[in-house]
Each structure stands twice: as C-alpha cells, then as structure tokens.
Amino acid sequence: SNGNVVLSNDAAGVAPRLQMMFKGLGTGGE
C-alpha cells in the first residue's frame, strides 16, 4: 500500500523496510 516492492520469499519484510527507511531520510526534521 506504500508503493514498495514486496517479494513472496521475503518473510521478514527486509525489502520494504529498506525502501521505507530510504524514503524517510531527510523528512520529519530527522
């Protein structure tokens, strides 16, 4: 739902988590 690439054999959710982190850098005053 966030537009992230997800994979059926990525049970832990590594790929979407990395995408969200990189999308977040520089936002929210971090």
PDB file of all heavy atoms in Angstrom:
ATOM      1  N   SER A   1       0.803  -1.216   0.000  1.00  0.00           N
ATOM      2  CA  SER A   1       0.000   0.000   0.000  1.00  0.00           C
ATOM      3  C   SER A   1       0.836   1.267   0.000  1.00  0.00           C
ATOM      4  O   SER A   1       0.323   2.355  -0.296  1.00  0.00           O
ATOM      5  CB  SER A   1      -0.939   0.003   1.210  1.00  0.00           C
ATOM      6  OG  SER A   1      -0.193  -0.055   2.422  1.00  0.00           O
ATOM      7  N   ASN A   2       2.121   1.155   0.326  1.00  0.00           N
ATOM      8  CA  ASN A   2       3.023   2.305   0.308  1.00  0.00           C
ATOM      9  C   ASN A   2       3.811   2.418  -0.990  1.00  0.00           C
ATOM     10  O   ASN A   2       4.698   3.261  -1.112  1.00  0.00           O
ATOM     11  CB  ASN A   2       4.003   2.223   1.485  1.00  0.00           C
ATOM     12  CG  ASN A   2       3.318   2.418   2.820  1.00  0.00           C
ATOM     13  OD1 ASN A   2       2.596   3.385   3.016  1.00  0.00           O
ATOM     14  ND2 ASN A   2       3.532   1.489   3.741  1.00  0.00           N
ATOM     15  N   GLY A   3       3.492   1.550  -1.952  1.00  0.00           N
ATOM     16  CA  GLY A   3       4.191   1.577  -3.228  1.00  0.00           C
ATOM     17  C   GLY A   3       5.537   0.889  -3.209  1.00  0.00           C
ATOM     18  O   GLY A   3       6.313   1.017  -4.160  1.00  0.00           O
ATOM     19  N   ASN A   4       5.817   0.136  -2.158  1.00  0.00           N
ATOM     20  CA  ASN A   4       7.095  -0.571  -2.050  1.00  0.00           C
ATOM     21  C   ASN A   4       7.050  -1.903  -2.788  1.00  0.00           C
ATOM     22  O   ASN A   4       6.017  -2.587  -2.789  1.00  0.00           O
ATOM     23  CB  ASN A   4       7.437  -0.854  -0.588  1.00  0.00           C
ATOM     24  CG  ASN A   4       7.570   0.398   0.231  1.00  0.00           C
ATOM     25  OD1 ASN A   4       8.252   1.334  -0.161  1.00  0.00           O
ATOM     26  ND2 ASN A   4       6.917   0.415   1.391  1.00  0.00           N
ATOM     27  N   VAL A   5       8.156  -2.280  -3.373  1.00  0.00           N
ATOM     28  CA  VAL A   5       8.290  -3.612  -3.953  1.00  0.00           C
ATOM     29  C   VAL A   5       8.332  -4.628  -2.816  1.00  0.00           C
ATOM     30  O   VAL A   5       9.101  -4.467  -1.857  1.00  0.00           O
ATOM     31  CB  VAL A   5       9.575  -3.719  -4.796  1.00  0.00           C
ATOM     32  CG1 VAL A   5       9.781  -5.155  -5.279  1.00  0.00           C
ATOM     33  CG2 VAL A   5       9.519  -2.757  -5.973  1.00  0.00           C
ATOM     34  N   VAL A   6       7.507  -5.638  -2.880  1.00  0.00           N
ATOM     35  CA  VAL A   6       7.489  -6.714  -1.888  1.00  0.00           C
ATOM     36  C   VAL A   6       7.696  -8.036  -2.612  1.00  0.00           C
ATOM     37  O   VAL A   6       7.343  -8.181  -3.787  1.00  0.00           O
ATOM     38  CB  VAL A   6       6.174  -6.735  -1.076  1.00  0.00           C
ATOM     39  CG1 VAL A   6       6.052  -5.485  -0.223  1.00  0.00           C
ATOM     40  CG2 VAL A   6       4.964  -6.863  -1.983  1.00  0.00           C
ATOM     41  N   LEU A   7       8.285  -9.006  -1.911  1.00  0.00           N
ATOM     42  CA  LEU A   7       8.641 -10.295  -2.505  1.00  0.00           C
ATOM     43  C   LEU A   7       8.040 -11.431  -1.690  1.00  0.00           C
ATOM     44  O   LEU A   7       8.042 -11.385  -0.456  1.00  0.00           O
ATOM     45  CB  LEU A   7      10.164 -10.450  -2.565  1.00  0.00           C
ATOM     46  CG  LEU A   7      11.003  -9.565  -3.493  1.00  0.00           C
ATOM     47  CD1 LEU A   7      10.471  -9.584  -4.922  1.00  0.00           C
ATOM     48  CD2 LEU A   7      11.114  -8.153  -2.982  1.00  0.00           C
ATOM     49  N   SER A   8       7.596 -12.464  -2.364  1.00  0.00           N
ATOM     50  CA  SER A   8       6.905 -13.561  -1.681  1.00  0.00           C
ATOM     51  C   SER A   8       7.826 -14.363  -0.775  1.00  0.00           C
ATOM     52  O   SER A   8       7.355 -14.981   0.188  1.00  0.00           O
ATOM     53  CB  SER A   8       6.248 -14.485  -2.709  1.00  0.00           C
ATOM     54  OG  SER A   8       7.215 -15.058  -3.582  1.00  0.00           O
ATOM     55  N   ASN A   9       9.126 -14.380  -1.058  1.00  0.00           N
ATOM     56  CA  ASN A   9      10.067 -15.123  -0.218  1.00  0.00           C
ATOM     57  C   ASN A   9      10.864 -14.219   0.718  1.00  0.00           C
ATOM     58  O   ASN A   9      11.951 -14.585   1.167  1.00  0.00           O
ATOM     59  CB  ASN A   9      11.022 -15.940  -1.082  1.00  0.00           C
ATOM     60  CG  ASN A   9      10.323 -17.096  -1.790  1.00  0.00           C
ATOM     61  OD1 ASN A   9       9.249 -17.528  -1.381  1.00  0.00           O
ATOM     62  ND2 ASN A   9      10.922 -17.594  -2.860  1.00  0.00           N
ATOM     63  N   ASP A  10      10.310 -13.072   1.006  1.00  0.00           N
ATOM     64  CA  ASP A  10      10.915 -12.127   1.950  1.00  0.00           C
ATOM     65  C   ASP A  10      10.053 -12.098   3.199  1.00  0.00           C
ATOM     66  O   ASP A  10       9.379 -11.112   3.499  1.00  0.00           O
ATOM     67  CB  ASP A  10      11.008 -10.745   1.294  1.00  0.00           C
ATOM     68  CG  ASP A  10      11.628  -9.680   2.197  1.00  0.00           C
ATOM     69  OD1 ASP A  10      12.259 -10.044   3.204  1.00  0.00           O
ATOM     70  OD2 ASP A  10      11.466  -8.485   1.869  1.00  0.00           O
ATOM     71  N   ALA A  11      10.060 -13.207   3.941  1.00  0.00           N
ATOM     72  CA  ALA A  11       9.150 -13.356   5.082  1.00  0.00           C
ATOM     73  C   ALA A  11       9.356 -12.283   6.138  1.00  0.00           C
ATOM     74  O   ALA A  11       8.411 -11.848   6.795  1.00  0.00           O
ATOM     75  CB  ALA A  11       9.319 -14.746   5.690  1.00  0.00           C
ATOM     76  N   ALA A  12      10.590 -11.852   6.323  1.00  0.00           N
ATOM     77  CA  ALA A  12      10.875 -10.850   7.350  1.00  0.00           C
ATOM     78  C   ALA A  12      10.497  -9.437   6.917  1.00  0.00           C
ATOM     79  O   ALA A  12      10.381  -8.537   7.754  1.00  0.00           O
ATOM     80  CB  ALA A  12      12.357 -10.900   7.722  1.00  0.00           C
ATOM     81  N   GLY A  13      10.336  -9.223   5.606  1.00  0.00           N
ATOM     82  CA  GLY A  13       9.995  -7.891   5.115  1.00  0.00           C
ATOM     83  C   GLY A  13      11.192  -6.962   4.999  1.00  0.00           C
ATOM     84  O   GLY A  13      11.067  -5.746   5.204  1.00  0.00           O
ATOM     85  N   VAL A  14      12.348  -7.499   4.632  1.00  0.00           N
ATOM     86  CA  VAL A  14      13.561  -6.693   4.515  1.00  0.00           C
ATOM     87  C   VAL A  14      13.438  -5.645   3.414  1.00  0.00           C
ATOM     88  O   VAL A  14      13.763  -4.468   3.614  1.00  0.00           O
ATOM     89  CB  VAL A  14      14.786  -7.604   4.246  1.00  0.00           C
ATOM     90  CG1 VAL A  14      15.997  -6.782   3.834  1.00  0.00           C
ATOM     91  CG2 VAL A  14      15.103  -8.436   5.490  1.00  0.00           C
ATOM     92  N   ALA A  15      12.973  -6.049   2.234  1.00  0.00           N
ATOM     93  CA  ALA A  15      12.933  -5.131   1.090  1.00  0.00           C
ATOM     94  C   ALA A  15      12.050  -3.915   1.359  1.00  0.00           C
ATOM     95  O   ALA A  15      12.492  -2.770   1.161  1.00  0.00           O
ATOM     96  CB  ALA A  15      12.495  -5.865  -0.170  1.00  0.00           C
ATOM     97  N   PRO A  16      10.810  -4.074   1.812  1.00  0.00           N
ATOM     98  CA  PRO A  16      10.006  -2.875   2.067  1.00  0.00           C
ATOM     99  C   PRO A  16      10.542  -2.025   3.213  1.00  0.00           C
ATOM    100  O   PRO A  16      10.409  -0.798   3.186  1.00  0.00           O
ATOM    101  CB  PRO A  16       8.606  -3.428   2.370  1.00  0.00           C
ATOM    102  CG  PRO A  16       8.806  -4.859   2.726  1.00  0.00           C
ATOM    103  CD  PRO A  16      10.007  -5.300   1.951  1.00  0.00           C
ATOM    104  N   ARG A  17      11.160  -2.649   4.200  1.00  0.00           N
ATOM    105  CA  ARG A  17      11.711  -1.873   5.307  1.00  0.00           C
ATOM    106  C   ARG A  17      12.848  -0.974   4.833  1.00  0.00           C
ATOM    107  O   ARG A  17      12.938   0.195   5.229  1.00  0.00           O
ATOM    108  CB  ARG A  17      12.199  -2.799   6.419  1.00  0.00           C
ATOM    109  CG  ARG A  17      12.594  -2.093   7.714  1.00  0.00           C
ATOM    110  CD  ARG A  17      11.423  -1.373   8.333  1.00  0.00           C
ATOM    111  NE  ARG A  17      11.733  -0.839   9.655  1.00  0.00           N
ATOM    112  CZ  ARG A  17      10.963   0.014  10.314  1.00  0.00           C
ATOM    113  NH1 ARG A  17       9.815   0.421   9.772  1.00  0.00           N
ATOM    114  NH2 ARG A  17      11.302   0.452  11.511  1.00  0.00           N
ATOM    115  N   LEU A  18      13.705  -1.495   3.976  1.00  0.00           N
ATOM    116  CA  LEU A  18      14.788  -0.680   3.433  1.00  0.00           C
ATOM    117  C   LEU A  18      14.238   0.463   2.592  1.00  0.00           C
ATOM    118  O   LEU A  18      14.722   1.609   2.678  1.00  0.00           O
ATOM    119  CB  LEU A  18      15.724  -1.540   2.591  1.00  0.00           C
ATOM    120  CG  LEU A  18      16.636  -2.494   3.351  1.00  0.00           C
ATOM    121  CD1 LEU A  18      17.357  -3.426   2.383  1.00  0.00           C
ATOM    122  CD2 LEU A  18      17.647  -1.738   4.201  1.00  0.00           C
ATOM    123  N   GLN A  19      13.217   0.175   1.791  1.00  0.00           N
ATOM    124  CA  GLN A  19      12.630   1.227   0.959  1.00  0.00           C
ATOM    125  C   GLN A  19      12.037   2.336   1.819  1.00  0.00           C
ATOM    126  O   GLN A  19      12.211   3.530   1.522  1.00  0.00           O
ATOM    127  CB  GLN A  19      11.560   0.625   0.046  1.00  0.00           C
ATOM    128  CG  GLN A  19      12.125  -0.287  -1.023  1.00  0.00           C
ATOM    129  CD  GLN A  19      11.065  -1.115  -1.714  1.00  0.00           C
ATOM    130  OE1 GLN A  19      10.274  -0.600  -2.508  1.00  0.00           O
ATOM    131  NE2 GLN A  19      11.044  -2.410  -1.431  1.00  0.00           N
ATOM    132  N   MET A  20      11.352   1.968   2.874  1.00  0.00           N
ATOM    133  CA  MET A  20      10.745   2.975   3.750  1.00  0.00           C
ATOM    134  C   MET A  20      11.810   3.810   4.452  1.00  0.00           C
ATOM    135  O   MET A  20      11.668   5.034   4.593  1.00  0.00           O
ATOM    136  CB  MET A  20       9.822   2.307   4.762  1.00  0.00           C
ATOM    137  CG  MET A  20       8.563   1.714   4.157  1.00  0.00           C
ATOM    138  SD  MET A  20       7.480   2.965   3.410  1.00  0.00           S
ATOM    139  CE  MET A  20       6.825   3.758   4.895  1.00  0.00           C
ATOM    140  N   MET A  21      12.898   3.177   4.897  1.00  0.00           N
ATOM    141  CA  MET A  21      13.959   3.937   5.559  1.00  0.00           C
ATOM    142  C   MET A  21      14.560   4.966   4.612  1.00  0.00           C
ATOM    143  O   MET A  21      14.743   6.142   4.979  1.00  0.00           O
ATOM    144  CB  MET A  21      15.057   3.003   6.064  1.00  0.00           C
ATOM    145  CG  MET A  21      16.175   3.724   6.804  1.00  0.00           C
ATOM    146  SD  MET A  21      17.677   2.732   7.026  1.00  0.00           S
ATOM    147  CE  MET A  21      18.387   2.812   5.374  1.00  0.00           C
ATOM    148  N   PHE A  22      14.855   4.555   3.390  1.00  0.00           N
ATOM    149  CA  PHE A  22      15.458   5.490   2.447  1.00  0.00           C
ATOM    150  C   PHE A  22      14.481   6.589   2.034  1.00  0.00           C
ATOM    151  O   PHE A  22      14.883   7.728   1.799  1.00  0.00           O
ATOM    152  CB  PHE A  22      15.995   4.750   1.222  1.00  0.00           C
ATOM    153  CG  PHE A  22      17.308   4.070   1.482  1.00  0.00           C
ATOM    154  CD1 PHE A  22      17.459   2.706   1.290  1.00  0.00           C
ATOM    155  CD2 PHE A  22      18.409   4.791   1.925  1.00  0.00           C
ATOM    156  CE1 PHE A  22      18.668   2.081   1.524  1.00  0.00           C
ATOM    157  CE2 PHE A  22      19.631   4.172   2.174  1.00  0.00           C
ATOM    158  CZ  PHE A  22      19.756   2.812   1.970  1.00  0.00           C
ATOM    159  N   LYS A  23      13.202   6.271   1.971  1.00  0.00           N
ATOM    160  CA  LYS A  23      12.207   7.308   1.690  1.00  0.00           C
ATOM    161  C   LYS A  23      12.103   8.299   2.852  1.00  0.00           C
ATOM    162  O   LYS A  23      11.762   9.466   2.660  1.00  0.00           O
ATOM    163  CB  LYS A  23      10.835   6.674   1.445  1.00  0.00           C
ATOM    164  CG  LYS A  23      10.701   5.908   0.145  1.00  0.00           C
ATOM    165  CD  LYS A  23       9.330   5.254   0.045  1.00  0.00           C
ATOM    166  CE  LYS A  23       9.165   4.460  -1.238  1.00  0.00           C
ATOM    167  NZ  LYS A  23       7.833   3.787  -1.310  1.00  0.00           N
ATOM    168  N   GLY A  24      12.400   7.826   4.059  1.00  0.00           N
ATOM    169  CA  GLY A  24      12.252   8.668   5.244  1.00  0.00           C
ATOM    170  C   GLY A  24      13.416   9.602   5.503  1.00  0.00           C
ATOM    171  O   GLY A  24      13.247  10.642   6.162  1.00  0.00           O
ATOM    172  N   LEU A  25      14.612   9.272   5.019  1.00  0.00           N
ATOM    173  CA  LEU A  25      15.771  10.118   5.285  1.00  0.00           C
ATOM    174  C   LEU A  25      15.526  11.540   4.780  1.00  0.00           C
ATOM    175  O   LEU A  25      15.042  11.742   3.659  1.00  0.00           O
ATOM    176  CB  LEU A  25      17.020   9.535   4.621  1.00  0.00           C
ATOM    177  CG  LEU A  25      17.575   8.255   5.236  1.00  0.00           C
ATOM    178  CD1 LEU A  25      18.718   7.712   4.387  1.00  0.00           C
ATOM    179  CD2 LEU A  25      18.043   8.492   6.669  1.00  0.00           C
ATOM    180  N   GLY A  26      15.847  12.513   5.623  1.00  0.00           N
ATOM    181  CA  GLY A  26      15.673  13.907   5.252  1.00  0.00           C
ATOM    182  C   GLY A  26      14.271  14.439   5.464  1.00  0.00           C
ATOM    183  O   GLY A  26      13.983  15.590   5.112  1.00  0.00           O
ATOM    184  N   THR A  27      13.374  13.626   6.051  1.00  0.00           N
ATOM    185  CA  THR A  27      11.997  14.067   6.287  1.00  0.00           C
ATOM    186  C   THR A  27      11.698  14.088   7.783  1.00  0.00           C
ATOM    187  O   THR A  27      12.390  13.468   8.588  1.00  0.00           O
ATOM    188  CB  THR A  27      10.990  13.138   5.585  1.00  0.00           C
ATOM    189  OG1 THR A  27      11.002  11.838   6.230  1.00  0.00           O
ATOM    190  CG2 THR A  27      11.320  12.971   4.119  1.00  0.00           C
ATOM    191  N   GLY A  28      10.660  14.817   8.147  1.00  0.00           N
ATOM    192  CA  GLY A  28      10.231  14.861   9.541  1.00  0.00           C
ATOM    193  C   GLY A  28      11.222  15.546  10.459  1.00  0.00           C
ATOM    194  O   GLY A  28      11.153  15.367  11.681  1.00  0.00           O
ATOM    195  N   GLY A  29      12.151  16.307   9.892  1.00  0.00           N
ATOM    196  CA  GLY A  29      13.136  17.006  10.718  1.00  0.00           C
ATOM    197  C   GLY A  29      14.192  16.109  11.321  1.00  0.00           C
ATOM    198  O   GLY A  29      14.874  16.511  12.272  1.00  0.00           O
ATOM    199  N   GLU A  30      14.374  14.901  10.768  1.00  0.00           N
ATOM    200  CA  GLU A  30      15.374  13.995  11.353  1.00  0.00           C
ATOM    201  C   GLU A  30      16.767  14.607  11.234  1.00  0.00           C
ATOM    202  O   GLU A  30      17.110  15.208  10.211  1.00  0.00           O
ATOM    203  CB  GLU A  30      15.311  12.607  10.704  1.00  0.00           C
ATOM    204  CG  GLU A  30      15.631  12.523   9.213  1.00  0.00           C
ATOM    205  CD  GLU A  30      17.110  12.306   8.923  1.00  0.00           C
ATOM    206  OE1 GLU A  30      17.892  12.104   9.858  1.00  0.00           O
ATOM    207  OE2 GLU A  30      17.471  12.349   7.728  1.00  0.00           O
TER     208      GLU A  30
END
